[in-house]
Amino acid sequence: MQPHWTLNLKNGLKVNVPADLDNPVTLKVLELEDWPEPEHAFCCQLAQPGLRVPDADTGYGLSALSLAQALQGQGARRNSPIWYSSFHGRDQQPA
């Protein structure tokens, strides 16, 4: 397993990032204790329990964790048929 640091975000969540100061994600999270993109903050402000949000699982989980916190555990699942067909272009997951 790659060495990592567990960092605290401003919203109280913790996230694991590579223990590498040359990694731009590690540097941004260390500096800001959050993710800097305005879209991230915008989506987290809109999220509320009952809203369905897919998790594309494309990074370190910063957006997924923040959205899950805002949704209070009431959001879409990654393995749902709607998510799968949206991102894979077919209705069924492979067996």
C-alpha atoms as a PDB file:
ATOM      1  CA  MET A   1       0.000   0.000   0.000  1.00  0.00           C
ATOM      2  CA  GLN A   2       1.243   3.467  -0.898  1.00  0.00           C
ATOM      3  CA  PRO A   3       2.135   5.702   2.079  1.00  0.00           C
ATOM      4  CA  HIS A   4      -0.596   8.231   2.807  1.00  0.00           C
ATOM      5  CA  TRP A   5      -1.554  11.029   5.159  1.00  0.00           C
ATOM      6  CA  THR A   6      -5.000  11.408   6.675  1.00  0.00           C
ATOM      7  CA  LEU A   7      -5.935  15.090   6.514  1.00  0.00           C
ATOM      8  CA  ASN A   8      -8.790  16.930   8.208  1.00  0.00           C
ATOM      9  CA  LEU A   9     -11.070  19.024   6.008  1.00  0.00           C
ATOM     10  CA  LYS A  10     -12.831  22.234   7.124  1.00  0.00           C
ATOM     11  CA  ASN A  11     -16.178  20.423   7.101  1.00  0.00           C
ATOM     12  CA  GLY A  12     -14.975  17.900   9.702  1.00  0.00           C
ATOM     13  CA  LEU A  13     -14.345  15.034   7.285  1.00  0.00           C
ATOM     14  CA  LYS A  14     -11.038  13.199   6.960  1.00  0.00           C
ATOM     15  CA  VAL A  15      -9.494  12.154   3.651  1.00  0.00           C
ATOM     16  CA  ASN A  16      -6.458  10.054   2.753  1.00  0.00           C
ATOM     17  CA  VAL A  17      -4.033  11.584   0.269  1.00  0.00           C
ATOM     18  CA  PRO A  18      -0.640  10.381  -0.978  1.00  0.00           C
ATOM     19  CA  ALA A  19       2.205  11.240   1.405  1.00  0.00           C
ATOM     20  CA  ASP A  20       3.902  13.159  -1.385  1.00  0.00           C
ATOM     21  CA  LEU A  21       4.435  16.921  -1.442  1.00  0.00           C
ATOM     22  CA  ASP A  22       4.896  16.748  -5.227  1.00  0.00           C
ATOM     23  CA  ASN A  23       1.272  15.578  -5.585  1.00  0.00           C
ATOM     24  CA  PRO A  24      -0.965  18.584  -6.463  1.00  0.00           C
ATOM     25  CA  VAL A  25      -4.002  17.141  -4.646  1.00  0.00           C
ATOM     26  CA  THR A  26      -2.002  16.657  -1.457  1.00  0.00           C
ATOM     27  CA  LEU A  27      -0.672  20.214  -1.663  1.00  0.00           C
ATOM     28  CA  LYS A  28      -4.110  21.793  -2.253  1.00  0.00           C
ATOM     29  CA  VAL A  29      -5.784  19.873   0.557  1.00  0.00           C
ATOM     30  CA  LEU A  30      -2.917  20.671   2.949  1.00  0.00           C
ATOM     31  CA  GLU A  31      -3.128  24.363   2.043  1.00  0.00           C
ATOM     32  CA  LEU A  32      -6.905  24.867   1.917  1.00  0.00           C
ATOM     33  CA  GLU A  33      -8.320  21.985   3.981  1.00  0.00           C
ATOM     34  CA  ASP A  34     -10.904  21.677   1.193  1.00  0.00           C
ATOM     35  CA  TRP A  35     -11.129  21.254  -2.576  1.00  0.00           C
ATOM     36  CA  PRO A  36     -10.599  24.572  -4.430  1.00  0.00           C
ATOM     37  CA  GLU A  37     -12.917  24.186  -7.431  1.00  0.00           C
ATOM     38  CA  PRO A  38     -16.014  26.426  -7.222  1.00  0.00           C
ATOM     39  CA  GLU A  39     -18.158  23.633  -8.681  1.00  0.00           C
ATOM     40  CA  HIS A  40     -17.389  21.501  -5.627  1.00  0.00           C
ATOM     41  CA  ALA A  41     -18.647  24.155  -3.188  1.00  0.00           C
ATOM     42  CA  PHE A  42     -21.677  24.875  -5.404  1.00  0.00           C
ATOM     43  CA  CYS A  43     -22.736  21.217  -5.532  1.00  0.00           C
ATOM     44  CA  CYS A  44     -22.277  20.801  -1.788  1.00  0.00           C
ATOM     45  CA  GLN A  45     -24.463  23.863  -1.155  1.00  0.00           C
ATOM     46  CA  LEU A  46     -27.237  22.465  -3.388  1.00  0.00           C
ATOM     47  CA  ALA A  47     -27.106  18.951  -1.951  1.00  0.00           C
ATOM     48  CA  GLN A  48     -29.795  18.096   0.548  1.00  0.00           C
ATOM     49  CA  PRO A  49     -31.236  14.854   1.899  1.00  0.00           C
ATOM     50  CA  GLY A  50     -33.315  13.052  -0.720  1.00  0.00           C
ATOM     51  CA  LEU A  51     -31.415  14.461  -3.726  1.00  0.00           C
ATOM     52  CA  ARG A  52     -29.933  11.709  -5.893  1.00  0.00           C
ATOM     53  CA  VAL A  53     -26.257  12.191  -6.700  1.00  0.00           C
ATOM     54  CA  PRO A  54     -24.114   9.647  -8.576  1.00  0.00           C
ATOM     55  CA  ASP A  55     -20.556   8.987  -7.467  1.00  0.00           C
ATOM     56  CA  ALA A  56     -18.293   8.476 -10.474  1.00  0.00           C
ATOM     57  CA  ASP A  57     -15.393   7.346  -8.252  1.00  0.00           C
ATOM     58  CA  THR A  58     -12.753   9.327 -10.143  1.00  0.00           C
ATOM     59  CA  GLY A  59     -10.354  10.511  -7.473  1.00  0.00           C
ATOM     60  CA  TYR A  60      -9.591  10.630  -3.786  1.00  0.00           C
ATOM     61  CA  GLY A  61     -13.212  10.875  -2.626  1.00  0.00           C
ATOM     62  CA  LEU A  62     -13.216  14.562  -1.675  1.00  0.00           C
ATOM     63  CA  SER A  63     -16.438  15.316  -3.553  1.00  0.00           C
ATOM     64  CA  ALA A  64     -18.093  12.020  -2.697  1.00  0.00           C
ATOM     65  CA  LEU A  65     -17.418  12.437   1.023  1.00  0.00           C
ATOM     66  CA  SER A  66     -18.612  16.047   1.080  1.00  0.00           C
ATOM     67  CA  LEU A  67     -21.763  15.244  -0.886  1.00  0.00           C
ATOM     68  CA  ALA A  68     -22.502  12.203   1.272  1.00  0.00           C
ATOM     69  CA  GLN A  69     -22.223  14.402   4.340  1.00  0.00           C
ATOM     70  CA  ALA A  70     -24.621  16.986   2.842  1.00  0.00           C
ATOM     71  CA  LEU A  71     -27.061  14.245   1.776  1.00  0.00           C
ATOM     72  CA  GLN A  72     -26.921  12.667   5.235  1.00  0.00           C
ATOM     73  CA  GLY A  73     -26.654   9.207   3.678  1.00  0.00           C
ATOM     74  CA  GLN A  74     -29.712   9.621   1.424  1.00  0.00           C
ATOM     75  CA  GLY A  75     -28.306   9.658  -2.134  1.00  0.00           C
ATOM     76  CA  ALA A  76     -27.719   7.478  -5.158  1.00  0.00           C
ATOM     77  CA  ARG A  77     -25.629   4.327  -5.011  1.00  0.00           C
ATOM     78  CA  ARG A  78     -22.786   3.734  -7.415  1.00  0.00           C
ATOM     79  CA  ASN A  79     -24.110   0.290  -8.278  1.00  0.00           C
ATOM     80  CA  SER A  80     -27.623   1.495  -9.079  1.00  0.00           C
ATOM     81  CA  PRO A  81     -28.946   0.584 -12.582  1.00  0.00           C
ATOM     82  CA  ILE A  82     -29.437   4.270 -13.449  1.00  0.00           C
ATOM     83  CA  TRP A  83     -25.824   5.130 -12.623  1.00  0.00           C
ATOM     84  CA  TYR A  84     -24.492   2.094 -14.432  1.00  0.00           C
ATOM     85  CA  SER A  85     -26.419   2.714 -17.666  1.00  0.00           C
ATOM     86  CA  SER A  86     -25.563   6.429 -17.602  1.00  0.00           C
ATOM     87  CA  PHE A  87     -21.828   5.842 -17.359  1.00  0.00           C
ATOM     88  CA  HIS A  88     -21.463   2.573 -19.255  1.00  0.00           C
ATOM     89  CA  GLY A  89     -24.096   2.874 -22.004  1.00  0.00           C
ATOM     90  CA  ARG A  90     -25.788  -0.450 -21.232  1.00  0.00           C
ATOM     91  CA  ASP A  91     -28.488  -1.568 -18.807  1.00  0.00           C
ATOM     92  CA  GLN A  92     -26.845  -4.469 -17.000  1.00  0.00           C
ATOM     93  CA  GLN A  93     -23.617  -4.833 -15.097  1.00  0.00           C
ATOM     94  CA  PRO A  94     -21.381  -7.668 -16.314  1.00  0.00           C
ATOM     95  CA  ALA A  95     -21.731 -10.879 -14.314  1.00  0.00           C
END
